[in-house]
Structures are given as structure tokens and as C-alpha cells.
Amino acid sequence: MNAAIRAALRGELDSIRAAGLLKEERTIHSPQGAWIEVEYPEGAETKRVINMCANNYLGLSSHPEVVAAAHDGLRSHGYGMSSVRFICGTQDIHRALEHKLTEFLGTEDTILFPSCMDANAGVFEAVLGAEDVMIADRLVHASIVDGIRLCKAQQDTYKHSDMGHLEEKLQLHQDKRMRMIITDGVFSMDGDIAALDEICSLAEKYDALVFVDDSHATGFMGSHGRGTHEHCGVLGRIDVITTTLGKALGGASGGCVSGRSEIVQLCRQRARPYLFSNTMPPVIVSAALKVLDLVSVTTERRDKLERNTRFWRQGLVDAGFDLRPGDSPIVPVMLYNAKLAADVARDLFAEGVYAVGFSFPVVPKGQARIRTQLSAAHDMEHLEFALQAFRKVGAAHGVLGLGKKEILEKFGA
């Protein structure tokens, strides 16, 4: 790299740092759980803190039966396959996991991907062409945005969860060969749930396909934990579900496309992340099979997660924080100002609570927040400890009882 290019890249990093938007990793020295040992900043002594920002919704990331299943898979099927699926990378357990996910999600067929990001990168171009249109909610996950960009189909959007605007777009695109409505099930930054019942009704009225990324719902939303399609009462009406094994379902990695059999089969033929990246490691597949057994036997963890979510949300409201409304275990504490969010996260860490401030470009400018996430691994004592820290830090920064207007007046956008 020549000196001019190096200087230009350093300038980019300096501008990110100057804007207060530099992302820093915190090093965890323990298994994932309610309590974790964190080194931050780099080189500091580790600190034992309550984890309020993991996607470990069901608390299965370090569950002893899941860890044991991973060891079993390592012994019986090896460490890696050194191949993509269609050459020599498909083992019996890959097929078993696809069948089990199909049964759990209540769909027709399933295909595994190395991650849900890969599933979203591959599914659109595998199914849609230039004569089709993708109509996406404006707050869909970044991986969906990337997948849309890779597809030759026409692109359009509708205002977040605005069904009237979606209907206008469906009417506008009646001349297209296929229309696909694209949404998250639970939106990852705000924690709100898509109106899938209304979306499915519009899809049936205007002959459109429905795509849902259910990464923040699979395993715990709905009476059996199938996801938002069960929660919203639209089982069998969703054409494509993408989801992850990297959150509630064990938290390692892996994802899938599940839905109509023809769509899944087209992914098997055309989806580039499936065709050109290594198969999921056997150790993760074995552990995921155990996770599905655990979540299918009892709803105990899902029920505890719901109780924790209600307690946490009410505790923050009572303390005077400004929250995004919703029922999911994603509970954003709105602070609007990027520096304020970073300062609050820093001070929470000092009080023994690990939570991260999110600001642009992860969320829109002026929408900075602390995104808290609940887990079935949390016991009541953990949440009471964390609430006490939030009250103390919120009072120190003078944000308790303030809404958006007051916070922006006090701290700026």
C-alpha cells in the first residue's frame, strides 16, 4: 500500500473517531451467560458484569446439553467438511437438521446456509428476475438490503409498518410478473413486530409472495416458539422464512431458508452463498439438533423470557426512561444523542452492566439508544441489579422523565 492510500484510509478512521462513532470490541473471557467476564478497555482487568445485550434469548448458548451435543458431533462427524454442500459437504445430520427445522417452523422444506446473512444474500436472486419486484419495509435488516442489491428484480419500499403505503405499492406494481413483500418478523433495532396478518391479507388480495426474516423471533415467539408467523396467526401463509441459529437457537452460527418447496429447491440450484461457501460445521449442526429438541419439549424457557421482558420493560418505564413500545425481548432505551448513548453505556459498565450504545449508521441519525435484550438466562436478581444501575446512571445524566423533545433540547441530536 502506498503512502497516499494509507493516509486516505487513516483519514477515514480519524473522521469516524472524531464523530464519536468508532466501534470498539469488548473482550469476553467467559462463556456466554447472564454474568460474563469482560476486558474493557483492552489490557484492563476483567470485570464481572450482567450481560444485557446478547441475542441469547433462550439462554442456550452455554447450556450443558447443547455443549455435550457439540462434543458428540465432533467425535462422530469430525470438525469440518472442507467442501460446499453440493460437492461433498452434506452429511446425514445436515439433512436431519433441515427436516427438523421444517417440522418446527411448519413449512414445506428447508435449506441450510452458513449464516442467515448468507441466506438473505442468496434467496432473492435465486427466485426473482428482472420482470419481478421486491417491496421492502424501510427498516429491514442490513443483510436483507444487501441481498436485495444483489438481485436483478426491481426494488421498492414502503414506510415502516404502514399498511396503507404497502397497498399503494402493491397496486402500483400489478404489472410485474411476481411481487414479493419483504419484512423482518421482529425489527432488530426497535423490537416491534411486523403486522403479518395484515401483510398476508394484502399479499393474498394482490397476489404477492411474503418474505419474513425471523431471526429475532425463532425459538420463542408464538405459543410453541415457531416465530412471528405463529405469534400473528399466519402459519402456512408465509412463502419464505429466513432465520438464524446464531441467536435463540444456540447462538453459534448458521441460518436457513424455509418455506415453499419450489423456492427452497431454487435456492439449492442457484443461491450463490450455498453453492460457493463451506457447509455448516458438523459440531454446530449436532448442537442445533439438540437445541430444537430442548425447545420442542417444553415452553419453560420461552415463558420465563416473556416474564423477564414484562418485568424489565415496566421497571424501565417506572424509572422514567423513554422506551420504544413493543412486546419482544428487544427493549431499546431511547437517548437520541450518540455521545449521550456512548456515555451512558460506559457508565453502566462501571456499575456492572454490559449494554452497548447504538448510533448512526446502525440506527438513523438522531435515534441513538441503548438496546437492551432479555434472556431466559436472567434471573430476577440479575434484572433488579441491572435496573438499579440504570436508575443510578440515568439520574446522573439527568434523562429520567425526559422524552425525545426534552432530551434533544438538552443534549442535541
Protein backbone atom coordinates (compact mmCIF):
# COMPACT_ATOMS: atom_id res chain seq x y z
CA MET A 1 0.00 0.00 0.00
CA ASN A 2 1.46 3.35 -0.96
CA ALA A 3 1.66 6.27 1.46
CA ALA A 4 -1.17 8.24 -0.16
CA ILE A 5 -3.67 5.38 0.11
CA ARG A 6 -2.61 4.67 3.72
CA ALA A 7 -3.08 8.36 4.60
CA ALA A 8 -6.53 8.41 2.98
CA LEU A 9 -7.66 5.33 4.92
CA ARG A 10 -6.31 6.75 8.18
CA GLY A 11 -8.22 9.94 7.46
CA GLU A 12 -11.44 7.94 7.15
CA LEU A 13 -10.79 6.27 10.51
CA ASP A 14 -9.94 9.61 12.13
CA SER A 15 -13.21 11.11 10.91
CA ILE A 16 -15.18 8.18 12.34
CA ARG A 17 -13.38 8.59 15.67
CA ALA A 18 -13.89 12.37 15.70
CA ALA A 19 -17.62 11.90 15.16
CA GLY A 20 -17.78 9.65 18.24
CA LEU A 21 -18.87 6.71 16.05
CA LEU A 22 -15.85 4.42 16.43
CA LYS A 23 -16.93 0.90 17.34
CA GLU A 24 -14.77 -0.91 19.89
CA GLU A 25 -14.82 -4.57 20.76
CA ARG A 26 -15.07 -5.71 24.38
CA THR A 27 -13.24 -8.98 25.01
CA ILE A 28 -15.22 -11.59 26.92
CA HIS A 29 -13.22 -14.12 28.97
CA SER A 30 -16.08 -16.44 29.91
CA PRO A 31 -18.89 -18.46 28.30
CA GLN A 32 -21.94 -16.52 27.17
CA GLY A 33 -24.47 -16.14 30.01
CA ALA A 34 -26.23 -13.75 32.38
CA TRP A 35 -22.90 -12.95 34.07
CA ILE A 36 -19.82 -12.56 31.87
CA GLU A 37 -16.19 -11.57 32.46
CA VAL A 38 -15.29 -8.63 30.21
CA GLU A 39 -11.95 -6.96 29.45
CA TYR A 40 -12.56 -3.32 28.55
CA PRO A 41 -10.71 -1.31 27.56
CA GLU A 42 -8.09 -3.63 26.09
CA GLY A 43 -5.49 -4.52 28.68
CA ALA A 44 -7.72 -3.71 31.66
CA GLU A 45 -8.51 -6.20 34.42
CA THR A 46 -11.56 -8.29 33.59
CA LYS A 47 -14.81 -7.17 35.19
CA ARG A 48 -17.80 -9.36 36.06
CA VAL A 49 -20.91 -7.76 34.59
CA ILE A 50 -24.56 -8.54 33.86
CA ASN A 51 -24.99 -9.06 30.12
CA MET A 52 -27.96 -7.08 28.80
CA CYS A 53 -27.07 -7.03 25.10
CA ALA A 54 -26.76 -10.61 23.79
CA ASN A 55 -29.15 -12.37 21.41
CA ASN A 56 -29.05 -15.33 23.81
CA TYR A 57 -32.84 -15.14 24.19
CA LEU A 58 -33.40 -18.67 25.49
CA GLY A 59 -30.15 -18.88 27.44
CA LEU A 60 -28.99 -21.90 25.43
CA SER A 61 -25.62 -20.61 24.25
CA SER A 62 -23.77 -22.43 27.03
CA HIS A 63 -26.42 -24.97 28.05
CA PRO A 64 -24.66 -28.18 29.19
CA GLU A 65 -26.78 -30.45 26.96
CA VAL A 66 -26.03 -28.26 23.93
CA VAL A 67 -22.31 -28.27 24.71
CA ALA A 68 -22.39 -32.06 25.17
CA ALA A 69 -24.17 -32.47 21.82
CA ALA A 70 -21.46 -30.38 20.17
CA HIS A 71 -18.80 -32.69 21.64
CA ASP A 72 -20.74 -35.72 20.40
CA GLY A 73 -20.95 -34.24 16.91
CA LEU A 74 -17.24 -33.51 16.90
CA ARG A 75 -16.46 -37.14 17.80
CA SER A 76 -18.96 -38.76 15.42
CA HIS A 77 -18.79 -36.46 12.35
CA GLY A 78 -15.48 -34.59 12.61
CA TYR A 79 -14.53 -30.93 12.71
CA GLY A 80 -15.14 -29.74 9.14
CA MET A 81 -16.13 -30.98 5.71
CA SER A 82 -13.69 -28.98 3.57
CA SER A 83 -16.39 -28.66 0.93
CA VAL A 84 -19.57 -26.93 -0.11
CA ARG A 85 -22.81 -28.86 0.31
CA PHE A 86 -23.37 -29.99 -3.28
CA ILE A 87 -19.85 -31.35 -3.86
CA CYS A 88 -19.06 -33.44 -0.78
CA GLY A 89 -20.29 -31.39 2.17
CA THR A 90 -23.66 -32.95 3.04
CA GLN A 91 -23.78 -35.34 5.97
CA ASP A 92 -26.76 -37.19 7.38
CA ILE A 93 -27.00 -34.65 10.21
CA HIS A 94 -27.34 -31.74 7.75
CA ARG A 95 -30.37 -33.42 6.22
CA ALA A 96 -31.70 -34.27 9.69
CA LEU A 97 -31.44 -30.63 10.77
CA GLU A 98 -33.20 -29.42 7.62
CA HIS A 99 -36.05 -31.87 8.22
CA LYS A 100 -36.30 -30.88 11.89
CA LEU A 101 -36.35 -27.15 11.10
CA THR A 102 -39.08 -27.74 8.51
CA GLU A 103 -41.18 -29.54 11.10
CA PHE A 104 -40.52 -26.94 13.80
CA LEU A 105 -41.25 -23.92 11.60
CA GLY A 106 -44.30 -25.59 10.00
CA THR A 107 -43.11 -25.11 6.42
CA GLU A 108 -42.67 -27.35 3.35
CA ASP A 109 -38.88 -27.55 3.08
CA THR A 110 -35.64 -26.00 4.41
CA ILE A 111 -32.11 -25.42 3.18
CA LEU A 112 -29.18 -24.57 5.49
CA PHE A 113 -26.76 -21.70 4.91
CA PRO A 114 -23.57 -20.78 6.79
CA SER A 115 -25.49 -17.84 8.28
CA CYS A 116 -28.79 -16.01 7.92
CA MET A 117 -26.84 -13.20 6.30
CA ASP A 118 -25.84 -15.70 3.61
CA ALA A 119 -29.44 -16.90 3.33
CA ASN A 120 -30.60 -13.32 2.76
CA ALA A 121 -27.77 -12.74 0.29
CA GLY A 122 -28.80 -15.74 -1.79
CA VAL A 123 -32.55 -16.15 -1.71
CA PHE A 124 -33.74 -13.15 -3.75
CA GLU A 125 -31.55 -13.64 -6.80
CA ALA A 126 -32.31 -17.37 -6.75
CA VAL A 127 -36.04 -16.77 -7.07
CA LEU A 128 -36.67 -13.37 -8.69
CA GLY A 129 -35.70 -11.86 -12.04
CA ALA A 130 -35.77 -8.54 -13.85
CA GLU A 131 -39.51 -8.80 -14.53
CA ASP A 132 -40.31 -9.04 -10.78
CA VAL A 133 -40.39 -6.50 -7.94
CA MET A 134 -39.28 -6.59 -4.29
CA ILE A 135 -41.27 -4.31 -1.95
CA ALA A 136 -39.47 -4.00 1.39
CA ASP A 137 -40.27 -2.36 4.71
CA ARG A 138 -37.85 0.56 5.09
CA LEU A 139 -36.43 -0.79 8.37
CA VAL A 140 -35.50 -4.31 7.26
CA HIS A 141 -32.16 -5.71 8.42
CA ALA A 142 -28.96 -4.71 6.62
CA SER A 143 -28.44 -8.27 5.36
CA ILE A 144 -31.78 -8.08 3.52
CA VAL A 145 -30.76 -4.76 2.00
CA ASP A 146 -27.55 -6.39 0.75
CA GLY A 147 -29.49 -9.37 -0.65
CA ILE A 148 -31.86 -7.04 -2.47
CA ARG A 149 -28.91 -5.20 -4.01
CA LEU A 150 -27.59 -8.48 -5.44
CA CYS A 151 -30.89 -9.29 -7.19
CA LYS A 152 -31.90 -8.06 -10.66
CA ALA A 153 -35.56 -7.66 -9.71
CA GLN A 154 -36.90 -4.11 -9.39
CA GLN A 155 -36.71 -2.55 -5.93
CA ASP A 156 -39.28 -0.55 -4.00
CA THR A 157 -40.00 0.19 -0.34
CA TYR A 158 -42.91 1.07 1.91
CA LYS A 159 -42.92 3.22 5.04
CA HIS A 160 -42.19 1.23 8.18
CA SER A 161 -45.23 -0.91 9.08
CA ASP A 162 -47.52 1.38 7.04
CA MET A 163 -50.07 -0.98 5.50
CA GLY A 164 -51.77 1.78 3.53
CA HIS A 165 -48.46 2.62 1.85
CA LEU A 166 -47.76 -1.06 1.20
CA GLU A 167 -51.14 -1.43 -0.50
CA GLU A 168 -50.38 1.58 -2.73
CA LYS A 169 -47.12 -0.08 -3.77
CA LEU A 170 -48.85 -3.40 -4.48
CA GLN A 171 -51.38 -1.61 -6.68
CA LEU A 172 -48.55 0.25 -8.46
CA HIS A 173 -46.75 -2.99 -9.30
CA GLN A 174 -49.62 -5.12 -10.54
CA ASP A 175 -47.95 -5.23 -13.98
CA LYS A 176 -44.96 -7.18 -12.64
CA ARG A 177 -44.64 -10.96 -13.03
CA MET A 178 -44.09 -11.53 -9.29
CA ARG A 179 -44.36 -9.22 -6.29
CA MET A 180 -42.55 -10.09 -3.06
CA ILE A 181 -43.32 -8.27 0.20
CA ILE A 182 -40.19 -8.26 2.38
CA THR A 183 -40.16 -7.65 6.13
CA ASP A 184 -38.46 -8.57 9.37
CA GLY A 185 -40.64 -10.52 11.82
CA VAL A 186 -39.23 -8.60 14.79
CA PHE A 187 -37.32 -5.47 13.81
CA SER A 188 -33.89 -5.76 15.36
CA MET A 189 -33.30 -2.18 16.46
CA ASP A 190 -36.81 -1.14 17.58
CA GLY A 191 -38.09 -4.53 18.76
CA ASP A 192 -41.52 -4.07 17.20
CA ILE A 193 -43.35 -6.90 15.44
CA ALA A 194 -44.47 -6.82 11.81
CA ALA A 195 -48.23 -6.87 11.20
CA LEU A 196 -48.03 -10.21 9.42
CA ASP A 197 -51.78 -10.81 9.49
CA GLU A 198 -52.40 -7.61 7.54
CA ILE A 199 -49.40 -8.21 5.27
CA CYS A 200 -50.65 -11.70 4.39
CA SER A 201 -54.14 -10.38 3.66
CA LEU A 202 -52.69 -7.75 1.31
CA ALA A 203 -50.46 -10.36 -0.31
CA GLU A 204 -53.46 -12.59 -0.99
CA LYS A 205 -55.51 -9.63 -2.28
CA TYR A 206 -52.76 -8.51 -4.70
CA ASP A 207 -51.22 -11.91 -5.48
CA ALA A 208 -47.84 -11.29 -3.84
CA LEU A 209 -45.31 -13.51 -2.09
CA VAL A 210 -44.42 -12.83 1.56
CA PHE A 211 -40.83 -12.98 2.84
CA VAL A 212 -40.05 -12.77 6.60
CA ASP A 213 -36.64 -12.69 8.30
CA ASP A 214 -37.49 -14.15 11.70
CA SER A 215 -34.01 -14.13 13.23
CA HIS A 216 -35.17 -12.24 16.34
CA ALA A 217 -38.22 -14.49 16.91
CA THR A 218 -37.46 -18.12 16.00
CA GLY A 219 -37.48 -20.30 19.09
CA PHE A 220 -39.57 -18.12 21.38
CA MET A 221 -42.30 -16.08 19.65
CA GLY A 222 -45.69 -17.81 19.38
CA SER A 223 -47.29 -20.43 21.60
CA HIS A 224 -44.77 -23.11 20.51
CA GLY A 225 -41.88 -20.75 19.75
CA ARG A 226 -42.10 -21.15 15.97
CA GLY A 227 -41.80 -17.41 15.39
CA THR A 228 -43.81 -14.38 14.39
CA HIS A 229 -45.87 -16.34 11.87
CA GLU A 230 -47.22 -18.37 14.80
CA HIS A 231 -47.46 -15.29 17.05
CA CYS A 232 -49.53 -13.45 14.40
CA GLY A 233 -51.69 -16.46 13.48
CA VAL A 234 -50.48 -16.78 9.87
CA LEU A 235 -48.98 -20.28 9.87
CA GLY A 236 -48.93 -21.58 6.31
CA ARG A 237 -49.41 -18.12 4.77
CA ILE A 238 -45.74 -17.08 4.63
CA ASP A 239 -43.89 -18.11 1.45
CA VAL A 240 -40.29 -17.60 2.61
CA ILE A 241 -38.83 -17.54 6.12
CA THR A 242 -35.16 -16.89 6.71
CA THR A 243 -33.79 -17.29 10.19
CA THR A 244 -30.63 -17.91 12.18
CA LEU A 245 -29.16 -20.49 14.50
CA GLY A 246 -26.92 -17.74 15.84
CA LYS A 247 -29.36 -16.19 18.30
CA ALA A 248 -32.00 -18.07 20.34
CA LEU A 249 -31.22 -21.47 18.79
CA GLY A 250 -27.84 -21.95 20.47
CA GLY A 251 -26.15 -18.78 19.31
CA ALA A 252 -23.24 -20.25 17.33
CA SER A 253 -23.79 -19.70 13.61
CA GLY A 254 -25.79 -20.99 10.68
CA GLY A 255 -29.02 -19.97 9.04
CA CYS A 256 -31.64 -21.23 6.66
CA VAL A 257 -34.27 -20.52 4.06
CA SER A 258 -37.51 -22.32 4.88
CA GLY A 259 -40.84 -22.17 3.06
CA ARG A 260 -42.45 -23.25 -0.20
CA SER A 261 -40.63 -26.29 -1.58
CA GLU A 262 -40.12 -24.75 -5.03
CA ILE A 263 -38.39 -21.71 -3.51
CA VAL A 264 -36.13 -23.89 -1.37
CA GLN A 265 -35.25 -26.06 -4.36
CA LEU A 266 -34.35 -22.99 -6.42
CA CYS A 267 -32.03 -21.88 -3.61
CA ARG A 268 -30.37 -25.32 -3.79
CA GLN A 269 -29.75 -24.75 -7.50
CA ARG A 270 -28.90 -21.05 -7.67
CA ALA A 271 -28.17 -19.39 -4.31
CA ARG A 272 -24.53 -18.37 -4.53
CA PRO A 273 -23.69 -18.43 -0.77
CA TYR A 274 -24.99 -22.04 -0.73
CA LEU A 275 -23.11 -23.02 -3.87
CA PHE A 276 -19.81 -21.32 -3.09
CA SER A 277 -19.24 -21.39 0.69
CA ASN A 278 -18.41 -24.22 3.05
CA THR A 279 -21.06 -26.34 4.67
CA MET A 280 -22.05 -25.71 8.29
CA PRO A 281 -19.56 -27.46 10.60
CA PRO A 282 -20.83 -30.80 12.00
CA VAL A 283 -20.25 -29.64 15.58
CA ILE A 284 -22.75 -26.79 15.13
CA VAL A 285 -25.27 -28.97 13.32
CA SER A 286 -25.20 -31.53 16.13
CA ALA A 287 -25.70 -28.85 18.77
CA ALA A 288 -28.55 -27.25 16.79
CA LEU A 289 -30.37 -30.59 16.66
CA LYS A 290 -30.21 -30.76 20.46
CA VAL A 291 -31.46 -27.15 20.74
CA LEU A 292 -34.53 -27.99 18.69
CA ASP A 293 -35.18 -30.99 20.96
CA LEU A 294 -34.97 -28.75 24.03
CA VAL A 295 -37.30 -26.03 22.72
CA SER A 296 -39.80 -28.61 21.44
CA VAL A 297 -40.14 -30.47 24.76
CA THR A 298 -41.18 -27.54 26.94
CA THR A 299 -42.07 -23.84 26.72
CA GLU A 300 -40.48 -23.17 30.12
CA ARG A 301 -37.66 -21.02 28.74
CA ARG A 302 -39.95 -19.12 26.40
CA ASP A 303 -42.35 -18.45 29.28
CA LYS A 304 -39.52 -17.19 31.51
CA LEU A 305 -38.30 -14.91 28.73
CA GLU A 306 -41.77 -13.36 28.49
CA ARG A 307 -41.90 -12.79 32.26
CA ASN A 308 -38.43 -11.23 32.22
CA THR A 309 -39.38 -8.95 29.34
CA ARG A 310 -42.50 -7.67 31.07
CA PHE A 311 -40.65 -7.06 34.35
CA TRP A 312 -37.73 -5.28 32.63
CA ARG A 313 -39.86 -3.06 30.44
CA GLN A 314 -42.10 -1.99 33.33
CA GLY A 315 -39.06 -1.35 35.55
CA LEU A 316 -37.52 0.98 32.97
CA VAL A 317 -40.81 2.79 32.43
CA ASP A 318 -41.27 3.25 36.18
CA ALA A 319 -37.72 4.64 36.39
CA GLY A 320 -38.61 7.30 33.82
CA PHE A 321 -36.77 6.10 30.71
CA ASP A 322 -38.10 6.73 27.21
CA LEU A 323 -38.69 3.33 25.54
CA ARG A 324 -39.76 2.10 22.14
CA PRO A 325 -43.14 0.37 22.65
CA GLY A 326 -43.37 -3.37 21.99
CA ASP A 327 -43.66 -6.88 23.38
CA SER A 328 -40.45 -8.50 22.17
CA PRO A 329 -37.34 -9.09 24.36
CA ILE A 330 -35.61 -6.27 22.47
CA VAL A 331 -36.16 -3.19 24.67
CA PRO A 332 -34.50 -0.03 23.28
CA VAL A 333 -33.82 2.77 25.77
CA MET A 334 -34.01 5.92 23.64
CA LEU A 335 -31.35 8.58 24.21
CA TYR A 336 -31.29 10.12 20.67
CA ASN A 337 -27.82 11.70 21.09
CA ALA A 338 -24.88 9.47 20.03
CA LYS A 339 -22.42 10.77 22.63
CA LEU A 340 -25.01 10.50 25.38
CA ALA A 341 -25.69 6.87 24.42
CA ALA A 342 -21.97 6.08 24.49
CA ASP A 343 -21.52 7.84 27.84
CA VAL A 344 -24.47 6.03 29.41
CA ALA A 345 -23.17 2.66 28.17
CA ARG A 346 -19.72 3.46 29.62
CA ASP A 347 -21.18 4.39 33.00
CA LEU A 348 -23.43 1.34 33.08
CA PHE A 349 -20.35 -0.82 32.56
CA ALA A 350 -18.73 0.86 35.56
CA GLU A 351 -21.84 -0.11 37.56
CA GLY A 352 -21.57 -3.75 36.43
CA VAL A 353 -23.97 -3.78 33.48
CA TYR A 354 -22.85 -4.56 29.93
CA ALA A 355 -25.02 -2.73 27.39
CA VAL A 356 -23.94 -1.06 24.18
CA GLY A 357 -24.91 2.32 22.79
CA PHE A 358 -26.13 2.24 19.16
CA SER A 359 -25.87 5.25 16.89
CA PHE A 360 -25.56 6.08 13.19
CA PRO A 361 -25.09 4.18 10.85
CA VAL A 362 -26.56 1.26 12.83
CA VAL A 363 -29.66 3.38 13.55
CA PRO A 364 -30.75 6.65 11.85
CA LYS A 365 -29.11 9.89 12.97
CA GLY A 366 -30.88 11.34 16.00
CA GLN A 367 -32.14 7.89 17.07
CA ALA A 368 -29.23 6.79 19.31
CA ARG A 369 -30.13 4.33 22.02
CA ILE A 370 -29.10 1.61 24.44
CA ARG A 371 -30.55 -1.61 23.04
CA THR A 372 -31.24 -3.96 25.94
CA GLN A 373 -32.10 -7.59 25.32
CA LEU A 374 -33.61 -10.08 27.71
CA SER A 375 -32.72 -13.73 28.15
CA ALA A 376 -34.18 -16.76 29.87
CA ALA A 377 -30.73 -16.99 31.48
CA HIS A 378 -31.59 -13.87 33.50
CA ASP A 379 -32.98 -14.45 36.97
CA MET A 380 -34.92 -11.79 38.83
CA GLU A 381 -31.89 -10.84 40.91
CA HIS A 382 -29.96 -10.08 37.69
CA LEU A 383 -32.68 -7.79 36.39
CA GLU A 384 -33.11 -6.00 39.72
CA PHE A 385 -29.35 -5.40 39.82
CA ALA A 386 -29.37 -4.04 36.27
CA LEU A 387 -32.41 -1.83 36.92
CA GLN A 388 -30.69 -0.27 39.93
CA ALA A 389 -27.68 0.55 37.73
CA PHE A 390 -29.90 2.07 35.03
CA ARG A 391 -31.68 4.24 37.62
CA LYS A 392 -28.36 5.47 39.04
CA VAL A 393 -26.79 6.23 35.65
CA GLY A 394 -29.98 7.72 34.21
CA ALA A 395 -30.25 10.07 37.20
CA ALA A 396 -26.59 11.06 36.89
CA HIS A 397 -27.14 12.10 33.27
CA GLY A 398 -30.46 13.80 34.00
CA VAL A 399 -32.53 11.84 31.48
CA LEU A 400 -35.14 10.25 33.79
CA GLY A 401 -38.61 11.51 32.99
CA LEU A 402 -37.50 13.14 29.74
CA GLY A 403 -38.97 12.40 26.33
CA LYS A 404 -37.42 12.85 22.91
CA LYS A 405 -38.04 16.60 22.70
CA GLU A 406 -36.56 17.30 26.12
CA ILE A 407 -33.51 15.08 25.57
CA LEU A 408 -32.75 16.68 22.20
CA GLU A 409 -33.12 20.16 23.70
CA LYS A 410 -30.73 19.23 26.48
CA PHE A 411 -28.10 17.23 24.56
CA GLY A 412 -28.68 18.00 20.87
CA ALA A 413 -29.17 15.48 18.04
